[in-house]
């Protein structure tokens, strides 16, 4: 029998609740009751409470003691603040990665992720598109090797997830496939300035959702 630790249960609960918020299954302003969530997820209340604390730190859930716990409103200003940070960090990451000379396997991984991204969009699968987009950008983040850049991206990305999901649910997202191709070409020829600019523009399209 495989042992599932408490931390894993908390992470599982956070992942499932986060996904429900991003997909819109839990709409902005929806009240959240840990008892109901625990029952739905087949977990005890403790990991669910800890998961909600994590999501509160991420800005997806807001809590007022003895009053309410609910999904936060999709307000433009805090999401835009987070987006600017995420956008800048990804642009920085790809610039550093290209300066370090991205190997052929990185370029191949980016192409594969973009192909998966394209297929997900064609299938109108925003969740799969989001996952593929993550894989695409993660190549440069990993290659740049800067833990502070990676940690900052991890910290603020959850707040922009709903904007990403909205973007990848619309026909306009098809343009991102072309943008990704252009980013790959810049990385392959070692043009770090162009790669950074293109990644910045790619993330900047999310502002239209706000």
N, C-alpha and C. Protein backbone atom coordinates (compact mmCIF):
# COMPACT_ATOMS: atom_id res chain seq x y z
N UNK A 1 0.85 -1.20 0.00
CA UNK A 1 0.00 0.00 0.00
C UNK A 1 0.88 1.25 0.00
N UNK A 2 0.57 2.19 -0.86
CA UNK A 2 1.34 3.42 -0.93
C UNK A 2 0.87 4.39 0.14
N UNK A 3 1.84 4.91 0.90
CA UNK A 3 1.51 5.86 1.95
C UNK A 3 1.40 7.26 1.37
N UNK A 4 0.31 7.93 1.64
CA UNK A 4 0.11 9.30 1.18
C UNK A 4 0.20 10.22 2.39
N UNK A 5 1.25 11.01 2.46
CA UNK A 5 1.48 11.87 3.61
C UNK A 5 0.52 13.03 3.68
N UNK A 6 0.51 13.67 4.85
CA UNK A 6 -0.38 14.81 5.05
C UNK A 6 -0.10 15.92 4.05
N UNK A 7 1.22 16.18 3.83
CA UNK A 7 1.58 17.23 2.89
C UNK A 7 1.03 16.96 1.51
N UNK A 8 1.06 15.69 1.10
CA UNK A 8 0.54 15.32 -0.22
C UNK A 8 -0.96 15.54 -0.30
N UNK A 9 -1.66 15.26 0.79
CA UNK A 9 -3.10 15.47 0.82
C UNK A 9 -3.43 16.95 0.72
N UNK A 10 -2.65 17.76 1.40
CA UNK A 10 -2.86 19.21 1.33
C UNK A 10 -2.60 19.72 -0.09
N UNK A 11 -1.53 19.22 -0.70
CA UNK A 11 -1.19 19.65 -2.06
C UNK A 11 -2.26 19.19 -3.05
N UNK A 12 -2.77 17.97 -2.84
CA UNK A 12 -3.82 17.47 -3.72
C UNK A 12 -5.07 18.34 -3.59
N UNK A 13 -5.44 18.67 -2.36
CA UNK A 13 -6.63 19.51 -2.15
C UNK A 13 -6.44 20.88 -2.78
N UNK A 14 -5.25 21.47 -2.58
CA UNK A 14 -4.98 22.79 -3.15
C UNK A 14 -5.04 22.75 -4.67
N UNK A 15 -4.48 21.70 -5.26
CA UNK A 15 -4.47 21.58 -6.72
C UNK A 15 -5.88 21.46 -7.28
N UNK A 16 -6.72 20.66 -6.62
CA UNK A 16 -8.08 20.45 -7.13
C UNK A 16 -8.95 21.69 -6.95
N UNK A 17 -8.81 22.36 -5.81
CA UNK A 17 -9.60 23.58 -5.58
C UNK A 17 -9.13 24.68 -6.52
N UNK A 18 -7.81 24.80 -6.67
CA UNK A 18 -7.25 25.81 -7.57
C UNK A 18 -7.75 25.60 -9.00
N UNK A 19 -7.75 24.35 -9.43
CA UNK A 19 -8.21 24.02 -10.78
C UNK A 19 -9.67 24.39 -10.96
N UNK A 20 -10.49 24.12 -9.94
CA UNK A 20 -11.92 24.45 -10.02
C UNK A 20 -12.13 25.96 -10.12
N UNK A 21 -11.29 26.73 -9.43
CA UNK A 21 -11.41 28.19 -9.49
C UNK A 21 -10.98 28.69 -10.87
N UNK A 22 -9.86 28.16 -11.36
CA UNK A 22 -9.35 28.59 -12.67
C UNK A 22 -10.33 28.26 -13.78
N UNK A 23 -10.92 27.06 -13.74
CA UNK A 23 -11.87 26.65 -14.77
C UNK A 23 -13.18 27.42 -14.69
N UNK A 24 -13.45 28.01 -13.54
CA UNK A 24 -14.70 28.73 -13.37
C UNK A 24 -15.79 27.87 -12.74
N UNK A 25 -15.44 26.64 -12.32
CA UNK A 25 -16.42 25.81 -11.62
C UNK A 25 -16.79 26.46 -10.29
N UNK A 26 -15.83 27.13 -9.69
CA UNK A 26 -16.08 27.94 -8.50
C UNK A 26 -15.94 29.40 -8.94
N UNK A 27 -17.06 30.07 -9.10
CA UNK A 27 -17.08 31.42 -9.63
C UNK A 27 -16.62 32.45 -8.59
N UNK A 28 -16.13 33.61 -9.05
CA UNK A 28 -15.77 34.68 -8.11
C UNK A 28 -16.92 34.99 -7.17
N UNK A 29 -16.59 35.09 -5.89
CA UNK A 29 -17.60 35.39 -4.87
C UNK A 29 -18.28 34.17 -4.29
N UNK A 30 -18.02 32.98 -4.86
CA UNK A 30 -18.65 31.76 -4.36
C UNK A 30 -18.20 31.45 -2.94
N UNK A 31 -19.13 31.27 -2.00
CA UNK A 31 -18.75 30.89 -0.63
C UNK A 31 -18.11 29.50 -0.62
N UNK A 32 -17.12 29.32 0.21
CA UNK A 32 -16.43 28.04 0.32
C UNK A 32 -16.57 27.53 1.75
N UNK A 33 -17.04 26.30 1.87
CA UNK A 33 -17.17 25.66 3.18
C UNK A 33 -16.26 24.45 3.21
N UNK A 34 -15.34 24.45 4.18
CA UNK A 34 -14.35 23.37 4.22
C UNK A 34 -14.98 22.00 4.42
N UNK A 35 -16.10 21.95 5.13
CA UNK A 35 -16.76 20.66 5.35
C UNK A 35 -17.26 20.08 4.03
N UNK A 36 -17.90 20.91 3.22
CA UNK A 36 -18.42 20.45 1.94
C UNK A 36 -17.30 20.06 0.98
N UNK A 37 -16.23 20.87 0.96
CA UNK A 37 -15.10 20.56 0.10
C UNK A 37 -14.42 19.26 0.52
N UNK A 38 -14.26 19.08 1.82
CA UNK A 38 -13.63 17.86 2.33
C UNK A 38 -14.43 16.63 1.92
N UNK A 39 -15.74 16.74 2.01
CA UNK A 39 -16.60 15.63 1.63
C UNK A 39 -16.51 15.36 0.13
N UNK A 40 -16.50 16.43 -0.67
CA UNK A 40 -16.43 16.28 -2.12
C UNK A 40 -15.09 15.66 -2.55
N UNK A 41 -14.00 16.03 -1.85
CA UNK A 41 -12.68 15.54 -2.22
C UNK A 41 -12.32 14.23 -1.54
N UNK A 42 -13.17 13.80 -0.60
CA UNK A 42 -12.89 12.56 0.12
C UNK A 42 -11.73 12.69 1.08
N UNK A 43 -11.61 13.88 1.68
CA UNK A 43 -10.50 14.16 2.59
C UNK A 43 -11.05 14.64 3.93
N UNK A 44 -10.17 14.69 4.91
CA UNK A 44 -10.54 15.28 6.19
C UNK A 44 -10.49 16.79 6.08
N UNK A 45 -10.99 17.49 7.07
CA UNK A 45 -11.06 18.95 6.99
C UNK A 45 -9.67 19.59 7.11
N UNK A 46 -8.75 18.93 7.81
CA UNK A 46 -7.44 19.54 8.07
C UNK A 46 -6.66 19.86 6.81
N UNK A 47 -6.42 18.90 5.90
CA UNK A 47 -5.69 19.27 4.68
C UNK A 47 -6.45 20.27 3.81
N UNK A 48 -7.79 20.24 3.85
CA UNK A 48 -8.58 21.19 3.07
C UNK A 48 -8.40 22.60 3.64
N UNK A 49 -8.41 22.72 4.97
CA UNK A 49 -8.19 24.03 5.59
C UNK A 49 -6.82 24.57 5.24
N UNK A 50 -5.80 23.69 5.28
CA UNK A 50 -4.45 24.12 4.95
C UNK A 50 -4.35 24.50 3.46
N UNK A 51 -5.06 23.78 2.63
CA UNK A 51 -5.08 24.10 1.20
C UNK A 51 -5.71 25.47 0.97
N UNK A 52 -6.79 25.76 1.68
CA UNK A 52 -7.45 27.06 1.55
C UNK A 52 -6.53 28.19 2.03
N UNK A 53 -5.70 27.90 3.03
CA UNK A 53 -4.73 28.91 3.50
C UNK A 53 -3.72 29.19 2.39
N UNK A 54 -3.29 28.14 1.69
CA UNK A 54 -2.36 28.31 0.58
C UNK A 54 -2.98 29.15 -0.52
N UNK A 55 -4.24 28.85 -0.85
CA UNK A 55 -4.93 29.57 -1.91
C UNK A 55 -5.22 31.02 -1.51
N UNK A 56 -5.35 31.25 -0.21
CA UNK A 56 -5.52 32.63 0.27
C UNK A 56 -4.23 33.40 0.04
N UNK A 57 -3.10 32.77 0.33
CA UNK A 57 -1.80 33.40 0.08
C UNK A 57 -1.61 33.70 -1.41
N UNK A 58 -2.16 32.83 -2.26
CA UNK A 58 -2.03 33.01 -3.71
C UNK A 58 -2.99 34.07 -4.25
N UNK A 59 -3.97 34.47 -3.45
CA UNK A 59 -4.90 35.49 -3.89
C UNK A 59 -6.15 34.96 -4.56
N UNK A 60 -6.35 33.64 -4.54
CA UNK A 60 -7.53 33.06 -5.19
C UNK A 60 -8.70 32.91 -4.22
N UNK A 61 -8.41 32.93 -2.93
CA UNK A 61 -9.44 32.80 -1.91
C UNK A 61 -9.24 33.92 -0.89
N UNK A 62 -10.35 34.45 -0.39
CA UNK A 62 -10.26 35.47 0.66
C UNK A 62 -11.10 35.03 1.86
N UNK A 63 -10.59 35.33 3.03
CA UNK A 63 -11.23 34.88 4.26
C UNK A 63 -11.34 36.02 5.27
N UNK A 64 -12.50 36.11 5.90
CA UNK A 64 -12.70 37.00 7.02
C UNK A 64 -13.13 36.14 8.19
N UNK A 65 -12.32 36.06 9.25
CA UNK A 65 -12.64 35.19 10.38
C UNK A 65 -14.07 35.38 10.90
N UNK A 66 -14.73 34.24 11.10
CA UNK A 66 -16.10 34.22 11.65
C UNK A 66 -17.11 34.89 10.72
N UNK A 67 -16.72 35.11 9.46
CA UNK A 67 -17.65 35.75 8.53
C UNK A 67 -17.78 34.97 7.24
N UNK A 68 -16.68 34.81 6.49
CA UNK A 68 -16.79 34.11 5.22
C UNK A 68 -15.42 33.63 4.72
N UNK A 69 -15.50 32.64 3.86
CA UNK A 69 -14.37 32.21 3.03
C UNK A 69 -14.96 32.08 1.65
N UNK A 70 -14.37 32.75 0.67
CA UNK A 70 -14.97 32.76 -0.66
C UNK A 70 -13.90 32.94 -1.73
N UNK A 71 -14.29 32.64 -2.96
CA UNK A 71 -13.41 32.85 -4.10
C UNK A 71 -13.29 34.35 -4.33
N UNK A 72 -12.07 34.83 -4.53
CA UNK A 72 -11.88 36.26 -4.74
C UNK A 72 -12.46 36.71 -6.07
N UNK A 73 -12.83 37.97 -6.12
CA UNK A 73 -13.28 38.56 -7.38
C UNK A 73 -12.10 38.65 -8.34
N UNK A 74 -12.38 38.56 -9.63
CA UNK A 74 -11.33 38.69 -10.64
C UNK A 74 -11.13 40.17 -10.91
N UNK A 75 -10.46 40.83 -9.98
CA UNK A 75 -10.27 42.27 -10.09
C UNK A 75 -9.03 42.57 -10.92
N UNK A 76 -9.16 43.54 -11.79
CA UNK A 76 -8.09 43.83 -12.74
C UNK A 76 -6.79 44.27 -12.08
N UNK A 77 -6.87 45.14 -11.09
CA UNK A 77 -5.65 45.74 -10.55
C UNK A 77 -4.70 44.72 -9.91
N UNK A 78 -5.16 43.86 -8.97
CA UNK A 78 -4.23 42.89 -8.39
C UNK A 78 -3.74 41.86 -9.39
N UNK A 79 -4.61 41.46 -10.32
CA UNK A 79 -4.20 40.49 -11.34
C UNK A 79 -3.18 41.13 -12.27
N UNK A 80 -3.40 42.37 -12.63
CA UNK A 80 -2.47 43.08 -13.50
C UNK A 80 -1.12 43.26 -12.81
N UNK A 81 -1.14 43.55 -11.52
CA UNK A 81 0.11 43.67 -10.77
C UNK A 81 0.90 42.37 -10.84
N UNK A 82 0.19 41.25 -10.64
CA UNK A 82 0.85 39.95 -10.68
C UNK A 82 1.34 39.63 -12.09
N UNK A 83 0.53 39.97 -13.08
CA UNK A 83 0.88 39.69 -14.47
C UNK A 83 2.16 40.41 -14.87
N UNK A 84 2.30 41.67 -14.47
CA UNK A 84 3.49 42.44 -14.81
C UNK A 84 4.74 41.74 -14.26
N UNK A 85 4.64 41.21 -13.06
CA UNK A 85 5.78 40.51 -12.45
C UNK A 85 6.08 39.21 -13.19
N UNK A 86 5.04 38.41 -13.44
CA UNK A 86 5.21 37.14 -14.14
C UNK A 86 5.76 37.37 -15.54
N UNK A 87 5.20 38.34 -16.22
CA UNK A 87 5.63 38.70 -17.58
C UNK A 87 7.12 39.06 -17.60
N UNK A 88 7.52 39.90 -16.66
CA UNK A 88 8.91 40.35 -16.58
C UNK A 88 9.85 39.21 -16.26
N UNK A 89 9.46 38.33 -15.35
CA UNK A 89 10.31 37.21 -14.97
C UNK A 89 10.50 36.21 -16.11
N UNK A 90 9.44 35.96 -16.87
CA UNK A 90 9.57 35.04 -18.01
C UNK A 90 10.45 35.66 -19.10
N UNK A 91 10.32 36.95 -19.31
CA UNK A 91 11.15 37.62 -20.29
C UNK A 91 12.62 37.56 -19.88
N UNK A 92 12.86 37.79 -18.59
CA UNK A 92 14.22 37.70 -18.06
C UNK A 92 14.77 36.29 -18.18
N UNK A 93 13.93 35.31 -17.86
CA UNK A 93 14.36 33.90 -17.88
C UNK A 93 14.82 33.48 -19.27
N UNK A 94 14.04 33.82 -20.28
CA UNK A 94 14.41 33.37 -21.63
C UNK A 94 15.67 34.10 -22.11
N UNK A 95 15.82 35.35 -21.70
CA UNK A 95 17.03 36.08 -22.07
C UNK A 95 18.28 35.43 -21.49
N UNK A 96 18.22 35.06 -20.22
CA UNK A 96 19.34 34.39 -19.56
C UNK A 96 19.59 33.03 -20.20
N UNK A 97 18.49 32.31 -20.46
CA UNK A 97 18.61 30.96 -21.04
C UNK A 97 19.29 31.00 -22.39
N UNK A 98 18.92 31.96 -23.22
CA UNK A 98 19.52 32.06 -24.56
C UNK A 98 20.99 32.45 -24.46
N UNK A 99 21.32 33.34 -23.55
CA UNK A 99 22.72 33.72 -23.36
C UNK A 99 23.56 32.52 -22.94
N UNK A 100 22.92 31.58 -22.27
CA UNK A 100 23.63 30.36 -21.85
C UNK A 100 23.66 29.32 -22.97
N UNK A 101 23.12 29.69 -24.11
CA UNK A 101 23.10 28.82 -25.30
C UNK A 101 22.23 27.57 -25.06
N UNK A 102 20.96 27.72 -25.35
CA UNK A 102 20.01 26.63 -25.17
C UNK A 102 20.36 25.46 -26.10
N UNK A 103 20.48 24.25 -25.57
CA UNK A 103 20.84 23.09 -26.39
C UNK A 103 19.67 22.65 -27.28
N UNK A 104 19.99 21.76 -28.21
CA UNK A 104 18.98 21.29 -29.17
C UNK A 104 17.79 20.65 -28.49
N UNK A 105 18.03 19.95 -27.35
CA UNK A 105 16.92 19.29 -26.67
C UNK A 105 15.93 20.30 -26.08
N UNK A 106 16.42 21.48 -25.71
CA UNK A 106 15.51 22.53 -25.23
C UNK A 106 14.62 23.02 -26.36
N UNK A 107 15.23 23.25 -27.51
CA UNK A 107 14.46 23.72 -28.67
C UNK A 107 13.42 22.68 -29.07
N UNK A 108 13.82 21.40 -29.03
CA UNK A 108 12.88 20.31 -29.37
C UNK A 108 11.74 20.26 -28.36
N UNK A 109 12.05 20.47 -27.09
CA UNK A 109 11.02 20.43 -26.04
C UNK A 109 10.03 21.58 -26.23
N UNK A 110 10.52 22.73 -26.61
CA UNK A 110 9.64 23.88 -26.84
C UNK A 110 8.74 23.63 -28.05
N UNK A 111 9.31 23.04 -29.09
CA UNK A 111 8.49 22.73 -30.28
C UNK A 111 7.39 21.71 -29.94
N UNK A 112 7.76 20.70 -29.17
CA UNK A 112 6.79 19.66 -28.78
C UNK A 112 5.68 20.27 -27.93
N UNK A 113 6.05 21.15 -27.00
CA UNK A 113 5.05 21.79 -26.14
C UNK A 113 4.13 22.68 -26.96
N UNK A 114 4.69 23.38 -27.94
CA UNK A 114 3.85 24.26 -28.77
C UNK A 114 2.91 23.46 -29.66
N UNK A 115 3.36 22.30 -30.11
CA UNK A 115 2.49 21.43 -30.91
C UNK A 115 1.33 20.93 -30.05
N UNK A 116 1.64 20.54 -28.80
CA UNK A 116 0.59 20.11 -27.88
C UNK A 116 -0.37 21.26 -27.57
N UNK A 117 0.19 22.45 -27.45
CA UNK A 117 -0.60 23.66 -27.21
C UNK A 117 -1.57 23.90 -28.38
N UNK A 118 -1.06 23.79 -29.59
CA UNK A 118 -1.88 23.99 -30.79
C UNK A 118 -3.02 22.98 -30.85
N UNK A 119 -2.71 21.72 -30.59
CA UNK A 119 -3.74 20.67 -30.64
C UNK A 119 -4.80 20.89 -29.56
N UNK A 120 -4.37 21.34 -28.39
CA UNK A 120 -5.33 21.60 -27.30
C UNK A 120 -6.27 22.74 -27.68
N UNK A 121 -5.74 23.78 -28.30
CA UNK A 121 -6.59 24.89 -28.73
C UNK A 121 -7.58 24.44 -29.80
N UNK A 122 -7.10 23.61 -30.73
CA UNK A 122 -7.98 23.11 -31.79
C UNK A 122 -9.10 22.24 -31.22
N UNK A 123 -8.81 21.59 -30.09
CA UNK A 123 -9.82 20.75 -29.44
C UNK A 123 -10.66 21.54 -28.44
N UNK A 124 -10.41 22.86 -28.36
CA UNK A 124 -11.12 23.73 -27.40
C UNK A 124 -10.94 23.24 -25.97
N UNK A 125 -9.75 22.74 -25.67
CA UNK A 125 -9.42 22.24 -24.33
C UNK A 125 -8.50 23.25 -23.65
N UNK A 126 -9.09 24.20 -22.95
CA UNK A 126 -8.31 25.28 -22.33
C UNK A 126 -7.39 24.76 -21.24
N UNK A 127 -7.83 23.73 -20.52
CA UNK A 127 -7.00 23.17 -19.44
C UNK A 127 -5.73 22.55 -20.00
N UNK A 128 -5.88 21.76 -21.08
CA UNK A 128 -4.72 21.15 -21.72
C UNK A 128 -3.83 22.20 -22.35
N UNK A 129 -4.44 23.25 -22.91
CA UNK A 129 -3.66 24.34 -23.51
C UNK A 129 -2.83 25.05 -22.46
N UNK A 130 -3.42 25.26 -21.29
CA UNK A 130 -2.71 25.92 -20.21
C UNK A 130 -1.51 25.07 -19.77
N UNK A 131 -1.73 23.76 -19.67
CA UNK A 131 -0.65 22.87 -19.27
C UNK A 131 0.48 22.86 -20.29
N UNK A 132 0.12 22.85 -21.57
CA UNK A 132 1.13 22.86 -22.64
C UNK A 132 1.88 24.19 -22.66
N UNK A 133 1.18 25.27 -22.42
CA UNK A 133 1.81 26.58 -22.36
C UNK A 133 2.81 26.63 -21.21
N UNK A 134 2.43 26.05 -20.09
CA UNK A 134 3.35 25.96 -18.95
C UNK A 134 4.63 25.22 -19.34
N UNK A 135 4.45 24.10 -20.03
CA UNK A 135 5.60 23.30 -20.45
C UNK A 135 6.50 24.10 -21.40
N UNK A 136 5.90 24.84 -22.28
CA UNK A 136 6.65 25.65 -23.24
C UNK A 136 7.55 26.65 -22.51
N UNK A 137 6.96 27.44 -21.62
CA UNK A 137 7.72 28.49 -20.93
C UNK A 137 8.66 27.92 -19.86
N UNK A 138 8.34 26.74 -19.35
CA UNK A 138 9.17 26.14 -18.30
C UNK A 138 10.56 25.77 -18.80
N UNK A 139 10.69 25.53 -20.10
CA UNK A 139 11.99 25.15 -20.66
C UNK A 139 13.02 26.25 -20.40
N UNK A 140 12.67 27.47 -20.71
CA UNK A 140 13.59 28.59 -20.50
C UNK A 140 13.80 28.88 -19.02
N UNK A 141 12.73 28.76 -18.23
CA UNK A 141 12.85 29.00 -16.79
C UNK A 141 13.83 28.01 -16.17
N UNK A 142 13.73 26.75 -16.58
CA UNK A 142 14.65 25.73 -16.07
C UNK A 142 16.07 25.99 -16.54
N UNK A 143 16.22 26.34 -17.82
CA UNK A 143 17.56 26.53 -18.39
C UNK A 143 18.25 27.75 -17.81
N UNK A 144 17.50 28.78 -17.45
CA UNK A 144 18.14 29.99 -16.93
C UNK A 144 18.81 29.73 -15.58
N UNK A 145 18.29 28.77 -14.82
CA UNK A 145 18.94 28.35 -13.59
C UNK A 145 18.91 29.35 -12.45
N UNK A 146 18.00 30.32 -12.51
CA UNK A 146 17.91 31.34 -11.46
C UNK A 146 16.75 30.99 -10.54
N UNK A 147 17.08 30.58 -9.31
CA UNK A 147 16.03 30.13 -8.39
C UNK A 147 15.07 31.26 -8.01
N UNK A 148 15.56 32.49 -7.96
CA UNK A 148 14.71 33.62 -7.58
C UNK A 148 13.68 33.90 -8.68
N UNK A 149 14.10 33.79 -9.91
CA UNK A 149 13.17 33.97 -11.03
C UNK A 149 12.08 32.89 -10.97
N UNK A 150 12.50 31.64 -10.81
CA UNK A 150 11.54 30.53 -10.75
C UNK A 150 10.59 30.68 -9.57
N UNK A 151 11.12 31.06 -8.41
CA UNK A 151 10.29 31.20 -7.21
C UNK A 151 9.28 32.33 -7.36
N UNK A 152 9.69 33.42 -7.98
CA UNK A 152 8.80 34.55 -8.19
C UNK A 152 7.67 34.18 -9.15
N UNK A 153 8.01 33.46 -10.20
CA UNK A 153 6.99 32.99 -11.14
C UNK A 153 6.00 32.08 -10.44
N UNK A 154 6.50 31.14 -9.64
CA UNK A 154 5.63 30.23 -8.90
C UNK A 154 4.72 30.99 -7.93
N UNK A 155 5.24 32.03 -7.34
CA UNK A 155 4.49 32.78 -6.33
C UNK A 155 3.32 33.55 -6.93
N UNK A 156 3.52 34.15 -8.11
CA UNK A 156 2.49 35.05 -8.64
C UNK A 156 1.67 34.49 -9.80
N UNK A 157 2.10 33.38 -10.38
CA UNK A 157 1.33 32.81 -11.49
C UNK A 157 -0.10 32.42 -11.11
N UNK A 158 -0.35 31.84 -9.92
CA UNK A 158 -1.73 31.45 -9.61
C UNK A 158 -2.74 32.59 -9.76
N UNK A 159 -2.32 33.80 -9.49
CA UNK A 159 -3.25 34.92 -9.56
C UNK A 159 -3.65 35.27 -10.99
N UNK A 160 -2.83 34.86 -11.97
CA UNK A 160 -3.16 35.18 -13.36
C UNK A 160 -3.78 33.97 -14.08
N UNK A 161 -3.96 32.86 -13.38
CA UNK A 161 -4.45 31.64 -14.02
C UNK A 161 -5.83 31.81 -14.65
N UNK A 162 -6.71 32.54 -13.98
CA UNK A 162 -8.05 32.70 -14.54
C UNK A 162 -8.02 33.50 -15.83
N UNK A 163 -7.13 34.47 -15.90
CA UNK A 163 -6.98 35.24 -17.14
C UNK A 163 -6.42 34.35 -18.24
N UNK A 164 -5.48 33.47 -17.89
CA UNK A 164 -4.92 32.53 -18.87
C UNK A 164 -6.00 31.59 -19.39
N UNK A 165 -6.79 31.04 -18.48
CA UNK A 165 -7.85 30.11 -18.88
C UNK A 165 -8.84 30.80 -19.80
N UNK A 166 -9.19 32.04 -19.46
CA UNK A 166 -10.11 32.81 -20.30
C UNK A 166 -9.51 33.03 -21.68
N UNK A 167 -8.24 33.36 -21.71
CA UNK A 167 -7.56 33.60 -22.99
C UNK A 167 -7.54 32.35 -23.85
N UNK A 168 -7.22 31.21 -23.24
CA UNK A 168 -7.09 29.97 -24.00
C UNK A 168 -8.44 29.36 -24.34
N UNK A 169 -9.51 29.97 -23.85
CA UNK A 169 -10.86 29.53 -24.22
C UNK A 169 -11.39 30.32 -25.41
N UNK A 170 -10.62 31.30 -25.87
CA UNK A 170 -11.09 32.17 -26.95
C UNK A 170 -10.30 31.93 -28.24
N UNK A 171 -10.89 32.26 -29.38
CA UNK A 171 -10.21 32.10 -30.68
C UNK A 171 -8.91 32.90 -30.78
N UNK A 172 -8.84 34.01 -30.04
CA UNK A 172 -7.65 34.86 -30.11
C UNK A 172 -6.39 34.13 -29.65
N UNK A 173 -6.56 33.05 -28.91
CA UNK A 173 -5.40 32.32 -28.40
C UNK A 173 -4.58 31.68 -29.51
N UNK A 174 -5.20 31.48 -30.69
CA UNK A 174 -4.48 30.86 -31.80
C UNK A 174 -3.22 31.65 -32.16
N UNK A 175 -3.26 32.96 -31.93
CA UNK A 175 -2.11 33.80 -32.26
C UNK A 175 -0.89 33.42 -31.40
N UNK A 176 -1.14 32.87 -30.22
CA UNK A 176 -0.03 32.49 -29.33
C UNK A 176 0.82 31.38 -29.94
N UNK A 177 0.22 30.54 -30.78
CA UNK A 177 0.99 29.47 -31.44
C UNK A 177 2.06 30.09 -32.31
N UNK A 178 1.68 31.11 -33.08
CA UNK A 178 2.63 31.81 -33.95
C UNK A 178 3.69 32.53 -33.11
N UNK A 179 3.26 33.15 -32.03
CA UNK A 179 4.21 33.83 -31.15
C UNK A 179 5.23 32.84 -30.59
N UNK A 180 4.75 31.67 -30.19
CA UNK A 180 5.65 30.65 -29.67
C UNK A 180 6.67 30.23 -30.73
N UNK A 181 6.21 30.08 -31.96
CA UNK A 181 7.13 29.71 -33.05
C UNK A 181 8.22 30.77 -33.21
N UNK A 182 7.83 32.02 -33.12
CA UNK A 182 8.80 33.11 -33.25
C UNK A 182 9.80 33.10 -32.09
N UNK A 183 9.31 32.78 -30.91
CA UNK A 183 10.19 32.69 -29.73
C UNK A 183 11.21 31.57 -29.93
N UNK A 184 10.73 30.43 -30.41
CA UNK A 184 11.61 29.29 -30.66
C UNK A 184 12.70 29.66 -31.66
N UNK A 185 12.32 30.35 -32.73
CA UNK A 185 13.29 30.75 -33.75
C UNK A 185 14.35 31.68 -33.18
N UNK A 186 13.93 32.62 -32.33
CA UNK A 186 14.88 33.54 -31.70
C UNK A 186 15.83 32.79 -30.77
N UNK A 187 15.30 31.84 -30.03
CA UNK A 187 16.13 31.04 -29.13
C UNK A 187 17.14 30.21 -29.92
N UNK A 188 16.68 29.65 -31.03
CA UNK A 188 17.53 28.77 -31.83
C UNK A 188 18.69 29.53 -32.47
N UNK A 189 18.46 30.76 -32.85
CA UNK A 189 19.55 31.53 -33.47
C UNK A 189 20.36 32.33 -32.45
N UNK A 190 20.00 32.20 -31.16
CA UNK A 190 20.79 32.82 -30.10
C UNK A 190 20.56 34.30 -29.92
N UNK A 191 19.40 34.79 -30.33
CA UNK A 191 19.08 36.22 -30.21
C UNK A 191 18.33 36.45 -28.90
N UNK A 192 19.08 36.69 -27.83
CA UNK A 192 18.46 36.80 -26.51
C UNK A 192 17.57 38.03 -26.37
N UNK A 193 17.94 39.13 -27.02
CA UNK A 193 17.13 40.34 -26.92
C UNK A 193 15.78 40.16 -27.61
N UNK A 194 15.78 39.54 -28.77
CA UNK A 194 14.52 39.31 -29.49
C UNK A 194 13.66 38.29 -28.75
N UNK A 195 14.31 37.26 -28.22
CA UNK A 195 13.56 36.24 -27.47
C UNK A 195 12.87 36.86 -26.26
N UNK A 196 13.59 37.72 -25.55
CA UNK A 196 13.01 38.40 -24.38
C UNK A 196 11.84 39.28 -24.78
N UNK A 197 12.01 40.02 -25.87
CA UNK A 197 10.95 40.91 -26.34
C UNK A 197 9.71 40.13 -26.74
N UNK A 198 9.91 39.02 -27.44
CA UNK A 198 8.78 38.20 -27.90
C UNK A 198 8.04 37.56 -26.75
N UNK A 199 8.77 37.09 -25.75
CA UNK A 199 8.12 36.49 -24.58
C UNK A 199 7.33 37.56 -23.82
N UNK A 200 7.90 38.75 -23.72
CA UNK A 200 7.20 39.86 -23.07
C UNK A 200 5.89 40.16 -23.79
N UNK A 201 5.94 40.19 -25.11
CA UNK A 201 4.73 40.45 -25.90
C UNK A 201 3.72 39.32 -25.75
N UNK A 202 4.21 38.10 -25.69
CA UNK A 202 3.33 36.94 -25.56
C UNK A 202 2.54 36.99 -24.26
N UNK A 203 3.23 37.25 -23.16
CA UNK A 203 2.53 37.36 -21.88
C UNK A 203 1.65 38.60 -21.82
N UNK A 204 2.06 39.64 -22.54
CA UNK A 204 1.29 40.88 -22.53
C UNK A 204 -0.10 40.74 -23.12
N UNK A 205 -0.32 39.71 -23.92
CA UNK A 205 -1.66 39.53 -24.52
C UNK A 205 -2.71 39.24 -23.45
N UNK A 206 -2.29 38.77 -22.28
CA UNK A 206 -3.26 38.48 -21.22
C UNK A 206 -3.93 39.74 -20.70
N UNK A 207 -3.30 40.88 -20.91
CA UNK A 207 -3.90 42.13 -20.44
C UNK A 207 -5.25 42.40 -21.09
N UNK A 208 -5.44 41.81 -22.28
CA UNK A 208 -6.72 41.99 -22.97
C UNK A 208 -7.87 41.33 -22.19
N UNK A 209 -7.54 40.32 -21.38
CA UNK A 209 -8.57 39.63 -20.61
C UNK A 209 -9.00 40.44 -19.39
N UNK A 210 -8.26 41.50 -19.08
CA UNK A 210 -8.55 42.29 -17.90
C UNK A 210 -9.23 43.60 -18.24
